[in-house]
C-alpha atoms as a PDB file:
ATOM      1  CA  UNK A   1       6.688  17.131   4.526  1.00  0.00           C
ATOM      2  CA  UNK A   2       5.407  13.632   3.759  1.00  0.00           C
ATOM      3  CA  UNK A   3       6.688  11.887   0.659  1.00  0.00           C
ATOM      4  CA  UNK A   4       5.799   8.612  -0.931  1.00  0.00           C
ATOM      5  CA  UNK A   5       7.906   6.913  -3.562  1.00  0.00           C
ATOM      6  CA  UNK A   6       6.169   4.295  -5.692  1.00  0.00           C
ATOM      7  CA  UNK A   7       8.927   2.300  -7.348  1.00  0.00           C
ATOM      8  CA  UNK A   8       7.624  -0.854  -8.977  1.00  0.00           C
ATOM      9  CA  UNK A   9       4.180  -2.155  -9.948  1.00  0.00           C
ATOM     10  CA  UNK A  10       3.932  -5.734 -11.110  1.00  0.00           C
ATOM     11  CA  UNK A  11       0.855  -7.734 -12.056  1.00  0.00           C
ATOM     12  CA  UNK A  12       0.968 -11.476 -11.512  1.00  0.00           C
ATOM     13  CA  UNK A  13      -1.507 -14.303 -11.837  1.00  0.00           C
ATOM     14  CA  UNK A  14      -2.508 -16.544  -8.974  1.00  0.00           C
ATOM     15  CA  UNK A  15      -4.973 -19.439  -8.752  1.00  0.00           C
ATOM     16  CA  UNK A  16      -7.341 -20.513  -5.993  1.00  0.00           C
ATOM     17  CA  UNK A  17     -10.583 -19.506  -4.325  1.00  0.00           C
ATOM     18  CA  UNK A  18     -10.426 -16.727  -1.710  1.00  0.00           C
ATOM     19  CA  UNK A  19     -12.105 -13.498  -0.658  1.00  0.00           C
ATOM     20  CA  UNK A  20     -10.617 -10.297  -2.061  1.00  0.00           C
ATOM     21  CA  UNK A  21      -7.742  -9.447   0.276  1.00  0.00           C
ATOM     22  CA  UNK A  22      -4.770  -7.160   0.778  1.00  0.00           C
ATOM     23  CA  UNK A  23      -1.614  -8.659   2.246  1.00  0.00           C
ATOM     24  CA  UNK A  24       1.472  -6.802   3.469  1.00  0.00           C
ATOM     25  CA  UNK A  25       5.025  -8.102   3.618  1.00  0.00           C
ATOM     26  CA  UNK A  26       6.771  -7.932   5.983  1.00  0.00           C
ATOM     27  CA  UNK A  27       3.855  -8.085   8.403  1.00  0.00           C
ATOM     28  CA  UNK A  28       5.553  -5.560  10.746  1.00  0.00           C
ATOM     29  CA  UNK A  29       7.878  -3.272   8.738  1.00  0.00           C
ATOM     30  CA  UNK A  30      10.847  -1.813  10.605  1.00  0.00           C
ATOM     31  CA  UNK A  31      11.169   1.963  10.959  1.00  0.00           C
ATOM     32  CA  UNK A  32      14.490   3.324   9.667  1.00  0.00           C
ATOM     33  CA  UNK A  33      15.641   6.726  10.939  1.00  0.00           C
ATOM     34  CA  UNK A  34      18.463   7.498   8.512  1.00  0.00           C
ATOM     35  CA  UNK A  35      18.090   9.031   5.064  1.00  0.00           C
ATOM     36  CA  UNK A  36      19.005   6.820   2.086  1.00  0.00           C
ATOM     37  CA  UNK A  37      19.460   7.325  -1.636  1.00  0.00           C
ATOM     38  CA  UNK A  38      18.178   4.549  -3.888  1.00  0.00           C
ATOM     39  CA  UNK A  39      20.001   3.329  -7.003  1.00  0.00           C
ATOM     40  CA  UNK A  40      17.867   5.529  -9.265  1.00  0.00           C
ATOM     41  CA  UNK A  41      18.751   8.643  -7.216  1.00  0.00           C
ATOM     42  CA  UNK A  42      15.451   8.828  -5.291  1.00  0.00           C
ATOM     43  CA  UNK A  43      16.052  10.174  -1.783  1.00  0.00           C
ATOM     44  CA  UNK A  44      14.168   8.606   1.106  1.00  0.00           C
ATOM     45  CA  UNK A  45      14.075  10.753   4.258  1.00  0.00           C
ATOM     46  CA  UNK A  46      13.782   9.251   7.716  1.00  0.00           C
ATOM     47  CA  UNK A  47      11.944   8.070   9.518  1.00  0.00           C
ATOM     48  CA  UNK A  48      10.618   5.685   6.847  1.00  0.00           C
ATOM     49  CA  UNK A  49       9.497   2.119   6.216  1.00  0.00           C
ATOM     50  CA  UNK A  50       9.201  -0.105   3.150  1.00  0.00           C
ATOM     51  CA  UNK A  51       6.614  -2.782   2.441  1.00  0.00           C
ATOM     52  CA  UNK A  52       5.146  -4.834  -0.402  1.00  0.00           C
ATOM     53  CA  UNK A  53       1.361  -5.054  -0.802  1.00  0.00           C
ATOM     54  CA  UNK A  54      -0.492  -7.786  -2.721  1.00  0.00           C
ATOM     55  CA  UNK A  55      -4.136  -7.413  -3.807  1.00  0.00           C
ATOM     56  CA  UNK A  56      -5.950 -10.721  -4.480  1.00  0.00           C
ATOM     57  CA  UNK A  57      -9.365 -10.733  -6.182  1.00  0.00           C
ATOM     58  CA  UNK A  58     -12.215 -13.185  -5.615  1.00  0.00           C
ATOM     59  CA  UNK A  59     -14.338 -11.519  -8.329  1.00  0.00           C
ATOM     60  CA  UNK A  60     -13.743  -8.965 -11.071  1.00  0.00           C
ATOM     61  CA  UNK A  61     -12.449  -5.754  -9.507  1.00  0.00           C
ATOM     62  CA  UNK A  62     -10.684  -2.656 -10.783  1.00  0.00           C
ATOM     63  CA  UNK A  63      -7.853  -1.258  -8.640  1.00  0.00           C
ATOM     64  CA  UNK A  64      -6.962   2.445  -8.873  1.00  0.00           C
ATOM     65  CA  UNK A  65      -4.522   2.624  -5.963  1.00  0.00           C
ATOM     66  CA  UNK A  66      -4.087   2.458  -2.205  1.00  0.00           C
ATOM     67  CA  UNK A  67      -5.052   4.792   0.639  1.00  0.00           C
ATOM     68  CA  UNK A  68      -2.653   4.668   3.605  1.00  0.00           C
ATOM     69  CA  UNK A  69      -3.326   6.135   7.069  1.00  0.00           C
ATOM     70  CA  UNK A  70      -0.361   6.257   9.468  1.00  0.00           C
ATOM     71  CA  UNK A  71      -0.864   7.141  13.147  1.00  0.00           C
ATOM     72  CA  UNK A  72       2.117   7.732  15.444  1.00  0.00           C
ATOM     73  CA  UNK A  73       2.227   6.674  19.087  1.00  0.00           C
ATOM     74  CA  UNK A  74       1.741  10.391  19.877  1.00  0.00           C
ATOM     75  CA  UNK A  75      -1.519  10.473  17.885  1.00  0.00           C
ATOM     76  CA  UNK A  76      -0.214  12.352  14.825  1.00  0.00           C
ATOM     77  CA  UNK A  77      -1.960  11.136  11.684  1.00  0.00           C
ATOM     78  CA  UNK A  78      -0.778  11.209   8.095  1.00  0.00           C
ATOM     79  CA  UNK A  79      -2.806  10.096   5.090  1.00  0.00           C
ATOM     80  CA  UNK A  80      -1.545   9.440   1.598  1.00  0.00           C
ATOM     81  CA  UNK A  81      -3.026   8.070  -1.607  1.00  0.00           C
ATOM     82  CA  UNK A  82      -1.007   5.996  -4.065  1.00  0.00           C
ATOM     83  CA  UNK A  83      -2.692   6.382  -7.456  1.00  0.00           C
ATOM     84  CA  UNK A  84      -2.076   4.221 -10.500  1.00  0.00           C
ATOM     85  CA  UNK A  85      -1.742   6.055 -13.814  1.00  0.00           C
ATOM     86  CA  UNK A  86      -4.019   3.437 -15.383  1.00  0.00           C
ATOM     87  CA  UNK A  87      -6.556   1.359 -13.390  1.00  0.00           C
ATOM     88  CA  UNK A  88      -5.799  -2.377 -13.247  1.00  0.00           C
ATOM     89  CA  UNK A  89      -8.630  -4.845 -13.834  1.00  0.00           C
ATOM     90  CA  UNK A  90      -8.297  -8.140 -11.967  1.00  0.00           C
ATOM     91  CA  UNK A  91     -10.410 -11.208 -12.692  1.00  0.00           C
ATOM     92  CA  UNK A  92     -11.323 -13.730  -9.988  1.00  0.00           C
ATOM     93  CA  UNK A  93      -8.172 -15.618  -8.978  1.00  0.00           C
ATOM     94  CA  UNK A  94      -5.744 -12.920 -10.170  1.00  0.00           C
ATOM     95  CA  UNK A  95      -3.469 -10.786  -8.030  1.00  0.00           C
ATOM     96  CA  UNK A  96      -1.288  -7.713  -8.396  1.00  0.00           C
ATOM     97  CA  UNK A  97       1.572  -6.386  -6.298  1.00  0.00           C
ATOM     98  CA  UNK A  98       2.695  -2.937  -5.210  1.00  0.00           C
ATOM     99  CA  UNK A  99       6.373  -3.708  -4.625  1.00  0.00           C
ATOM    100  CA  UNK A 100       8.968  -1.702  -2.704  1.00  0.00           C
ATOM    101  CA  UNK A 101       6.559   1.009  -1.607  1.00  0.00           C
ATOM    102  CA  UNK A 102       8.459   3.476   0.591  1.00  0.00           C
ATOM    103  CA  UNK A 103       6.609   5.725   3.040  1.00  0.00           C
ATOM    104  CA  UNK A 104       9.020   8.391   4.241  1.00  0.00           C
ATOM    105  CA  UNK A 105       9.288  11.621   6.230  1.00  0.00           C
ATOM    106  CA  UNK A 106       7.095  10.234   8.993  1.00  0.00           C
ATOM    107  CA  UNK A 107       6.609  12.578  11.952  1.00  0.00           C
ATOM    108  CA  UNK A 108       9.154  12.207  14.722  1.00  0.00           C
ATOM    109  CA  UNK A 109       7.432  10.444  17.593  1.00  0.00           C
ATOM    110  CA  UNK A 110       8.244   9.074  21.030  1.00  0.00           C
ATOM    111  CA  UNK A 111       8.168   5.538  19.604  1.00  0.00           C
ATOM    112  CA  UNK A 112       8.991   3.789  16.334  1.00  0.00           C
ATOM    113  CA  UNK A 113       5.619   2.050  16.513  1.00  0.00           C
ATOM    114  CA  UNK A 114       3.106   3.432  14.035  1.00  0.00           C
ATOM    115  CA  UNK A 115      -0.377   2.051  13.410  1.00  0.00           C
ATOM    116  CA  UNK A 116      -0.917   1.711   9.661  1.00  0.00           C
ATOM    117  CA  UNK A 117      -4.208   1.083   7.867  1.00  0.00           C
ATOM    118  CA  UNK A 118      -4.162   0.414   4.120  1.00  0.00           C
ATOM    119  CA  UNK A 119      -7.325   0.423   2.002  1.00  0.00           C
ATOM    120  CA  UNK A 120      -7.568  -0.701  -1.631  1.00  0.00           C
ATOM    121  CA  UNK A 121      -9.047   2.021  -3.871  1.00  0.00           C
ATOM    122  CA  UNK A 122     -11.203   1.122  -6.864  1.00  0.00           C
ATOM    123  CA  UNK A 123     -14.506  -0.562  -7.572  1.00  0.00           C
ATOM    124  CA  UNK A 124     -16.218  -3.885  -8.099  1.00  0.00           C
ATOM    125  CA  UNK A 125     -16.568  -4.713 -11.789  1.00  0.00           C
ATOM    126  CA  UNK A 126     -14.403  -4.212 -14.849  1.00  0.00           C
ATOM    127  CA  UNK A 127     -12.843  -0.959 -16.056  1.00  0.00           C
ATOM    128  CA  UNK A 128     -15.867   0.039 -18.128  1.00  0.00           C
ATOM    129  CA  UNK A 129     -18.731  -0.959 -15.788  1.00  0.00           C
ATOM    130  CA  UNK A 130     -17.920   0.167 -12.240  1.00  0.00           C
ATOM    131  CA  UNK A 131     -20.399  -0.616  -9.498  1.00  0.00           C
ATOM    132  CA  UNK A 132     -19.750  -0.408  -5.743  1.00  0.00           C
ATOM    133  CA  UNK A 133     -16.520   1.013  -4.320  1.00  0.00           C
ATOM    134  CA  UNK A 134     -14.058  -1.534  -2.960  1.00  0.00           C
ATOM    135  CA  UNK A 135     -14.067  -1.797   0.812  1.00  0.00           C
ATOM    136  CA  UNK A 136     -11.236  -4.032   1.922  1.00  0.00           C
ATOM    137  CA  UNK A 137      -7.730  -3.550   3.260  1.00  0.00           C
ATOM    138  CA  UNK A 138      -5.451  -4.441   6.135  1.00  0.00           C
ATOM    139  CA  UNK A 139      -3.914  -2.981   9.281  1.00  0.00           C
ATOM    140  CA  UNK A 140      -0.493  -3.495  10.830  1.00  0.00           C
ATOM    141  CA  UNK A 141       2.055  -1.937  13.169  1.00  0.00           C
ATOM    142  CA  UNK A 142       5.620  -0.977  12.430  1.00  0.00           C
ATOM    143  CA  UNK A 143       8.502  -1.942  14.700  1.00  0.00           C
END
């Protein structure tokens, strides 16, 4: 079974000119094999990894979530969508963060290296006038 725990969503403001991007921190999350229980009682089952994701907008966009594809060294693929209960509209120069996002119950594999591709879900435009779907994200490997 594959579980995803979404713990904290925070919207912050940022200034500067840039293309819409998705950044991940740390850049190469470490795979943990042991199960853990978080302070709120949420159980995270190994193997798992935790990362923070920051979406930065260069124009008005509406974010509805993230799509995450995880591929093990053995070629097993898992896909998961993280959906927001309410879409978040970002103006040019604003950013939002998905903090402490745990991806757990990964398939056991011959290596702790997983290829991960994260895509931002949503559309260009504000909440009430959607146009094209968003098409940006990032890729990384776990350690």
